[in-house]
């Protein structure tokens, strides 16, 4: 199979699997216990915490491990807003549903919400965020990069606005980790969400960076794990895998990312040249190095995916979290694309394991698929 849905999830790197294996079998101690077996688990957990902290320029005590990127978003947003009754928050129209649905849930509970729009490239305007701030604004949550079209947001400018007004700033950086530089001080954010499985780590483990001096309210209560911010026995194998995934990314450096970028650019150029009436969605420059997102007029994304699957090629028509929906992407609609165009979306996302031969195969297979689907479409103008 040619796997080009790495924005949905990535394969676990062999080095990550090797690091996790002992903690799935022999080293099974509960890190909260006091004997030697448990102590080795506790030490491994802290090694994972240090690895992630070093990778983003944070202190280890600023990293809280959770069960997913979605949980990290929930902890950041609910934990900040519920410190007081009421208040106002700002987000954007293109956020992952882990952010949008959490904000709208709080809105139903009586908190006020402003949803900032985006331009045709999926960019949030910092000036619109600034204009939306009120006296009772307590949180701004804007994603670092978009999971569907890859656009990277001006987080430094938005965080500076938040800091100047004394407002907490959160960013969902699930897609960005390991693909673009992330330094918490350079970005100026108070909280940042991550997930291991987007970086060749395991599923079921995420993390939230929380700047020292701020303490959100916990959303899961029970024991005193994770500095009393996230109750529940830690997923030690997952955290070990997460730590190894980020340390491996640090060891490999920029070369795999630049190689991914070059293959992405080859894919984009080849598709746009070979298939007429195709739109590249997302920002042409400020975008993740591994995401190519296209809109093909006159056809629907579902037909493209099924046709690619028959050729053993895996892609996506948008976020994996909404792939079962027949509705067009909320991201594409927010960018101004009409329904009939937004329905024809295809996201192809690469990883460090993607090869040039695989890209060549896609460029050979995709154009006839699109033409065949267009020939079947009643919307396609006959010439």
Protein backbone atom coordinates (compact mmCIF):
# COMPACT_ATOMS: atom_id res chain seq x y z
CA UNK A 1 0.00 0.00 0.00
CA UNK A 2 1.03 3.59 -0.68
CA UNK A 3 0.06 5.36 2.54
CA UNK A 4 -0.54 9.09 2.12
CA UNK A 5 -2.81 9.77 5.09
CA UNK A 6 -0.13 10.65 7.62
CA UNK A 7 -2.08 13.66 8.87
CA UNK A 8 -4.60 11.11 10.20
CA UNK A 9 -1.98 8.88 11.83
CA UNK A 10 1.54 7.63 11.22
CA UNK A 11 3.17 4.22 11.46
CA UNK A 12 5.10 3.63 14.66
CA UNK A 13 8.82 4.00 13.99
CA UNK A 14 10.86 0.82 14.64
CA UNK A 15 12.99 2.72 17.17
CA UNK A 16 9.84 3.78 19.02
CA UNK A 17 8.45 0.26 19.11
CA UNK A 18 11.76 -1.05 20.45
CA UNK A 19 11.77 1.54 23.24
CA UNK A 20 8.19 0.73 24.22
CA UNK A 21 8.48 -3.06 24.20
CA UNK A 22 10.01 -3.59 27.68
CA UNK A 23 7.25 -1.52 29.28
CA UNK A 24 4.57 -3.64 27.63
CA UNK A 25 6.04 -6.85 29.10
CA UNK A 26 8.70 -6.96 31.81
CA UNK A 27 8.70 -3.37 33.10
CA UNK A 28 5.00 -3.21 33.95
CA UNK A 29 5.16 -1.42 37.29
CA UNK A 30 2.71 1.33 38.25
CA UNK A 31 4.82 4.50 38.43
CA UNK A 32 2.92 5.69 41.52
CA UNK A 33 4.06 2.73 43.63
CA UNK A 34 7.22 2.68 45.76
CA UNK A 35 9.14 -0.53 44.92
CA UNK A 36 11.95 -0.89 42.37
CA UNK A 37 9.78 -2.19 39.51
CA UNK A 38 7.54 0.87 39.85
CA UNK A 39 10.54 3.14 40.18
CA UNK A 40 11.84 2.08 36.78
CA UNK A 41 8.47 2.94 35.23
CA UNK A 42 8.49 6.31 37.01
CA UNK A 43 12.00 7.03 35.73
CA UNK A 44 11.02 6.11 32.17
CA UNK A 45 7.98 8.36 32.41
CA UNK A 46 10.14 11.29 33.46
CA UNK A 47 12.62 10.55 30.65
CA UNK A 48 9.72 10.89 28.20
CA UNK A 49 8.69 14.14 29.82
CA UNK A 50 12.21 15.54 29.55
CA UNK A 51 12.49 14.52 25.90
CA UNK A 52 9.35 16.41 24.92
CA UNK A 53 10.24 19.41 27.09
CA UNK A 54 13.69 19.72 25.50
CA UNK A 55 12.21 19.41 22.03
CA UNK A 56 9.96 22.45 22.52
CA UNK A 57 12.17 24.53 24.83
CA UNK A 58 10.08 23.95 27.95
CA UNK A 59 10.77 22.75 31.49
CA UNK A 60 9.81 19.13 32.31
CA UNK A 61 7.34 20.24 34.98
CA UNK A 62 5.48 22.20 32.30
CA UNK A 63 4.52 18.97 30.44
CA UNK A 64 1.34 17.11 31.41
CA UNK A 65 0.70 13.75 29.74
CA UNK A 66 -2.88 12.95 28.73
CA UNK A 67 -4.68 10.40 26.57
CA UNK A 68 -4.82 12.28 23.24
CA UNK A 69 -4.49 15.62 21.53
CA UNK A 70 -8.25 16.04 21.93
CA UNK A 71 -7.97 15.61 25.69
CA UNK A 72 -5.12 18.12 25.77
CA UNK A 73 -7.35 20.65 23.97
CA UNK A 74 -10.20 19.97 26.39
CA UNK A 75 -7.95 20.40 29.43
CA UNK A 76 -6.56 23.68 28.10
CA UNK A 77 -9.93 25.18 27.18
CA UNK A 78 -12.23 23.87 29.89
CA UNK A 79 -9.51 24.10 32.51
CA UNK A 80 -8.92 27.77 31.75
CA UNK A 81 -12.52 28.92 31.39
CA UNK A 82 -13.87 27.01 34.40
CA UNK A 83 -11.53 28.77 36.78
CA UNK A 84 -14.27 31.40 36.87
CA UNK A 85 -17.97 31.44 36.16
CA UNK A 86 -18.62 33.06 32.80
CA UNK A 87 -16.23 34.90 30.55
CA UNK A 88 -15.37 35.19 26.89
CA UNK A 89 -13.12 33.11 24.61
CA UNK A 90 -11.94 33.48 21.03
CA UNK A 91 -11.22 30.73 18.52
CA UNK A 92 -11.18 30.37 14.73
CA UNK A 93 -13.57 28.84 12.21
CA UNK A 94 -11.03 26.27 10.97
CA UNK A 95 -10.10 24.64 14.28
CA UNK A 96 -10.08 20.90 14.78
CA UNK A 97 -13.38 19.73 16.24
CA UNK A 98 -11.58 18.98 19.51
CA UNK A 99 -11.35 22.75 19.91
CA UNK A 100 -14.50 23.92 18.13
CA UNK A 101 -16.84 21.46 19.82
CA UNK A 102 -15.28 22.13 23.22
CA UNK A 103 -15.73 25.88 22.82
CA UNK A 104 -19.33 25.45 21.66
CA UNK A 105 -20.03 23.11 24.58
CA UNK A 106 -18.86 25.82 26.97
CA UNK A 107 -20.95 28.35 25.07
CA UNK A 108 -24.00 26.23 25.81
CA UNK A 109 -23.01 26.34 29.48
CA UNK A 110 -23.13 30.14 29.46
CA UNK A 111 -19.66 31.23 28.38
CA UNK A 112 -19.37 33.68 25.49
CA UNK A 113 -17.60 32.73 22.27
CA UNK A 114 -16.30 34.61 19.24
CA UNK A 115 -15.28 32.60 16.17
CA UNK A 116 -12.82 34.48 13.97
CA UNK A 117 -13.01 33.93 10.23
CA UNK A 118 -10.16 33.15 7.83
CA UNK A 119 -9.14 34.30 4.37
CA UNK A 120 -9.12 32.21 1.18
CA UNK A 121 -5.85 30.57 2.25
CA UNK A 122 -7.14 29.60 5.68
CA UNK A 123 -5.20 32.30 7.54
CA UNK A 124 -6.52 33.99 10.66
CA UNK A 125 -6.00 37.76 10.71
CA UNK A 126 -4.44 38.82 14.05
CA UNK A 127 -6.25 42.15 13.75
CA UNK A 128 -9.62 40.38 13.76
CA UNK A 129 -8.60 38.54 16.91
CA UNK A 130 -7.54 41.82 18.53
CA UNK A 131 -10.81 43.49 17.58
CA UNK A 132 -12.77 40.62 19.15
CA UNK A 133 -11.16 41.02 22.58
CA UNK A 134 -13.44 42.20 25.39
CA UNK A 135 -12.86 43.11 29.01
CA UNK A 136 -13.93 39.62 30.06
CA UNK A 137 -11.92 37.71 27.41
CA UNK A 138 -9.95 35.00 29.21
CA UNK A 139 -8.72 32.67 26.48
CA UNK A 140 -7.63 32.74 22.85
CA UNK A 141 -7.25 29.33 21.23
CA UNK A 142 -5.97 29.26 17.63
CA UNK A 143 -4.37 26.18 16.06
CA UNK A 144 -0.72 26.32 15.04
CA UNK A 145 -1.32 24.57 11.72
CA UNK A 146 -4.45 23.27 10.06
CA UNK A 147 -4.91 19.52 9.82
CA UNK A 148 -6.80 19.61 6.50
CA UNK A 149 -5.05 22.17 4.31
CA UNK A 150 -1.77 22.59 6.20
CA UNK A 151 -1.86 26.37 6.62
CA UNK A 152 0.42 27.63 9.41
CA UNK A 153 -1.12 30.39 11.50
CA UNK A 154 0.54 33.65 12.71
CA UNK A 155 0.70 32.41 16.30
CA UNK A 156 3.57 34.69 17.34
CA UNK A 157 1.53 37.80 16.47
CA UNK A 158 -1.66 36.48 18.06
CA UNK A 159 0.13 35.38 21.23
CA UNK A 160 1.74 38.82 21.55
CA UNK A 161 -1.72 40.40 21.42
CA UNK A 162 -2.96 37.98 24.08
CA UNK A 163 0.05 38.61 26.33
CA UNK A 164 -0.31 42.39 26.03
CA UNK A 165 -3.95 42.14 27.14
CA UNK A 166 -3.34 39.63 29.93
CA UNK A 167 -5.24 36.81 28.16
CA UNK A 168 -4.21 33.15 28.18
CA UNK A 169 -3.13 31.80 24.77
CA UNK A 170 -3.52 28.16 23.71
CA UNK A 171 -2.53 26.60 20.41
CA UNK A 172 -3.24 23.12 19.06
CA UNK A 173 0.11 22.03 17.60
CA UNK A 174 -0.80 18.38 17.03
CA UNK A 175 0.03 18.51 13.32
CA UNK A 176 3.09 20.73 13.70
CA UNK A 177 5.24 18.76 16.14
CA UNK A 178 8.34 17.45 14.39
CA UNK A 179 7.51 19.12 11.08
CA UNK A 180 8.20 22.79 11.85
CA UNK A 181 10.23 24.35 14.69
CA UNK A 182 8.24 24.79 17.90
CA UNK A 183 9.67 26.76 20.82
CA UNK A 184 7.29 27.83 23.54
CA UNK A 185 9.16 31.02 24.37
CA UNK A 186 9.58 32.05 20.74
CA UNK A 187 5.87 31.46 20.14
CA UNK A 188 4.84 33.14 23.39
CA UNK A 189 1.98 30.73 24.13
CA UNK A 190 0.73 29.67 27.56
CA UNK A 191 -0.49 26.22 26.50
CA UNK A 192 0.21 23.94 23.55
CA UNK A 193 -1.36 20.56 22.65
CA UNK A 194 0.41 17.54 21.13
CA UNK A 195 -0.29 13.94 20.12
CA UNK A 196 2.27 11.16 19.73
CA UNK A 197 0.67 9.31 16.83
CA UNK A 198 1.20 12.16 14.36
CA UNK A 199 4.97 11.80 14.85
CA UNK A 200 5.53 8.05 14.42
CA UNK A 201 4.64 7.47 18.04
CA UNK A 202 1.81 5.36 19.48
CA UNK A 203 -1.88 6.20 19.58
CA UNK A 204 -3.54 6.90 22.91
CA UNK A 205 -1.07 9.39 24.36
CA UNK A 206 -0.95 13.17 24.11
CA UNK A 207 0.53 16.04 26.06
CA UNK A 208 -0.27 19.57 27.10
CA UNK A 209 2.41 22.18 27.70
CA UNK A 210 1.31 24.58 30.46
CA UNK A 211 3.52 27.59 31.14
CA UNK A 212 4.87 27.74 34.67
CA UNK A 213 2.77 29.99 36.91
CA UNK A 214 -0.59 28.99 35.43
CA UNK A 215 -2.70 26.09 36.62
CA UNK A 216 -5.92 25.19 34.79
CA UNK A 217 -8.70 23.33 36.54
CA UNK A 218 -8.47 19.55 36.02
CA UNK A 219 -11.23 17.92 33.97
CA UNK A 220 -10.53 14.35 35.16
CA UNK A 221 -10.58 13.83 38.92
CA UNK A 222 -9.22 10.95 40.95
CA UNK A 223 -5.63 10.35 42.00
CA UNK A 224 -2.79 12.82 42.11
CA UNK A 225 -1.04 11.86 38.90
CA UNK A 226 0.45 14.46 36.54
CA UNK A 227 0.76 17.12 39.24
CA UNK A 228 -2.91 16.63 40.14
CA UNK A 229 -3.95 17.92 36.71
CA UNK A 230 -4.82 14.59 35.08
CA UNK A 231 -5.95 11.71 37.28
CA UNK A 232 -5.40 8.14 36.15
CA UNK A 233 -2.46 5.75 35.95
CA UNK A 234 -0.10 7.04 33.29
CA UNK A 235 0.28 5.18 30.00
CA UNK A 236 3.94 4.40 30.59
CA UNK A 237 4.60 2.50 27.31
CA UNK A 238 2.87 5.25 25.36
CA UNK A 239 4.80 8.00 27.12
CA UNK A 240 8.07 6.15 26.55
CA UNK A 241 7.11 5.88 22.89
CA UNK A 242 6.20 9.56 22.74
CA UNK A 243 9.54 10.53 24.23
CA UNK A 244 11.44 8.31 21.82
CA UNK A 245 9.47 9.69 18.86
CA UNK A 246 10.49 13.26 19.66
CA UNK A 247 14.09 12.35 20.50
CA UNK A 248 14.29 10.47 17.18
CA UNK A 249 12.97 13.54 15.35
CA UNK A 250 15.66 15.61 17.08
CA UNK A 251 18.37 13.11 16.11
CA UNK A 252 17.30 13.02 12.46
CA UNK A 253 17.23 16.80 12.22
CA UNK A 254 16.03 18.81 9.24
CA UNK A 255 16.92 16.40 6.43
CA UNK A 256 13.77 14.20 6.57
CA UNK A 257 11.57 17.31 6.75
CA UNK A 258 13.24 18.93 3.75
CA UNK A 259 12.98 15.68 1.82
CA UNK A 260 9.28 15.53 2.67
CA UNK A 261 8.86 19.12 1.53
CA UNK A 262 10.54 18.37 -1.80
CA UNK A 263 8.29 15.36 -2.41
CA UNK A 264 5.24 17.40 -1.43
CA UNK A 265 6.22 20.12 -3.91
CA UNK A 266 6.72 17.50 -6.63
CA UNK A 267 3.28 16.07 -5.89
CA UNK A 268 1.62 19.49 -5.97
CA UNK A 269 3.31 20.54 -9.20
CA UNK A 270 2.53 17.23 -10.88
CA UNK A 271 -1.14 17.23 -9.94
CA UNK A 272 -1.72 20.86 -10.95
CA UNK A 273 0.04 20.31 -14.27
CA UNK A 274 -1.71 17.05 -15.16
CA UNK A 275 -5.27 17.72 -13.98
CA UNK A 276 -7.09 20.83 -15.22
CA UNK A 277 -9.61 22.72 -13.07
CA UNK A 278 -7.82 21.74 -9.90
CA UNK A 279 -7.27 24.06 -6.93
CA UNK A 280 -4.52 23.79 -4.33
CA UNK A 281 -6.20 24.64 -1.03
CA UNK A 282 -4.33 26.25 1.84
CA UNK A 283 -1.58 28.84 1.88
CA UNK A 284 0.87 28.46 -1.02
CA UNK A 285 3.91 29.13 1.21
CA UNK A 286 2.97 29.13 4.90
CA UNK A 287 1.99 25.46 5.02
CA UNK A 288 3.18 22.25 6.62
CA UNK A 289 5.89 20.43 4.65
CA UNK A 290 3.89 17.21 4.40
CA UNK A 291 0.34 18.21 3.41
CA UNK A 292 -0.97 18.67 -0.14
CA UNK A 293 -4.68 19.44 -0.30
CA UNK A 294 -6.56 19.66 -3.59
CA UNK A 295 -10.05 20.51 -4.82
CA UNK A 296 -11.18 18.83 -8.03
CA UNK A 297 -14.17 20.46 -9.68
CA UNK A 298 -17.28 18.49 -10.69
CA UNK A 299 -16.65 15.37 -8.56
CA UNK A 300 -16.85 14.25 -4.92
CA UNK A 301 -13.99 13.27 -2.67
CA UNK A 302 -15.56 9.98 -1.66
CA UNK A 303 -15.32 8.67 -5.22
CA UNK A 304 -11.68 9.71 -5.42
CA UNK A 305 -10.82 7.90 -2.18
CA UNK A 306 -12.58 4.70 -3.20
CA UNK A 307 -10.86 4.73 -6.59
CA UNK A 308 -7.46 5.32 -4.98
CA UNK A 309 -8.11 2.55 -2.48
CA UNK A 310 -8.69 0.14 -5.35
CA UNK A 311 -5.14 1.02 -6.44
CA UNK A 312 -3.84 0.46 -2.88
CA UNK A 313 -3.34 4.18 -2.24
CA UNK A 314 -4.63 5.68 1.02
CA UNK A 315 -5.61 9.34 1.19
CA UNK A 316 -8.27 11.45 2.86
CA UNK A 317 -10.96 13.93 1.95
CA UNK A 318 -10.25 15.99 5.08
CA UNK A 319 -9.98 15.35 8.79
CA UNK A 320 -9.95 11.70 9.84
CA UNK A 321 -12.29 12.64 12.68
CA UNK A 322 -15.07 13.51 10.23
CA UNK A 323 -14.30 11.11 7.38
CA UNK A 324 -17.59 9.30 7.94
CA UNK A 325 -19.57 12.46 7.25
CA UNK A 326 -21.00 13.32 3.85
CA UNK A 327 -20.96 17.04 4.67
CA UNK A 328 -18.23 19.17 3.09
CA UNK A 329 -15.34 20.25 5.28
CA UNK A 330 -16.07 23.13 7.66
CA UNK A 331 -12.51 24.28 6.97
CA UNK A 332 -13.06 24.60 3.22
CA UNK A 333 -16.45 26.27 3.67
CA UNK A 334 -14.86 28.77 6.08
CA UNK A 335 -12.25 29.54 3.42
CA UNK A 336 -15.04 30.59 1.07
CA UNK A 337 -15.34 27.56 -1.20
CA UNK A 338 -18.93 26.73 -2.25
CA UNK A 339 -20.37 23.34 -1.34
CA UNK A 340 -20.07 21.90 -4.83
CA UNK A 341 -16.32 22.58 -4.93
CA UNK A 342 -15.62 21.73 -1.29
CA UNK A 343 -17.10 18.27 -1.88
CA UNK A 344 -14.27 17.45 -4.31
CA UNK A 345 -11.44 17.56 -1.79
CA UNK A 346 -8.44 15.26 -1.50
CA UNK A 347 -5.76 15.51 1.18
CA UNK A 348 -2.52 13.62 0.61
CA UNK A 349 -0.14 13.78 3.56
CA UNK A 350 3.42 12.46 3.57
CA UNK A 351 5.81 11.12 6.20
CA UNK A 352 9.54 10.55 6.46
CA UNK A 353 8.93 7.07 5.04
CA UNK A 354 7.27 8.32 1.82
CA UNK A 355 9.36 7.58 -1.26
CA UNK A 356 9.74 9.37 -4.58
CA UNK A 357 8.60 6.21 -6.35
CA UNK A 358 5.33 6.35 -4.41
CA UNK A 359 4.78 9.96 -5.48
CA UNK A 360 5.51 8.99 -9.09
CA UNK A 361 2.90 6.23 -8.85
CA UNK A 362 0.27 8.62 -7.51
CA UNK A 363 0.99 11.08 -10.31
CA UNK A 364 0.50 8.26 -12.79
CA UNK A 365 -2.68 6.87 -11.23
CA UNK A 366 -4.57 9.98 -10.08
CA UNK A 367 -5.19 11.86 -13.39
CA UNK A 368 -7.11 9.01 -15.09
CA UNK A 369 -9.12 8.49 -11.91
CA UNK A 370 -10.19 12.13 -11.88
CA UNK A 371 -11.02 12.07 -15.58
CA UNK A 372 -13.09 8.89 -15.25
CA UNK A 373 -15.08 10.35 -12.35
CA UNK A 374 -15.63 13.58 -14.24
CA UNK A 375 -16.85 11.67 -17.29
CA UNK A 376 -19.48 10.09 -15.02
CA UNK A 377 -20.48 13.38 -13.39
CA UNK A 378 -23.59 15.25 -14.62
CA UNK A 379 -21.87 18.47 -13.53
CA UNK A 380 -18.89 18.07 -15.82
CA UNK A 381 -19.23 20.28 -18.93
CA UNK A 382 -18.99 18.24 -22.12
CA UNK A 383 -16.81 19.79 -24.78
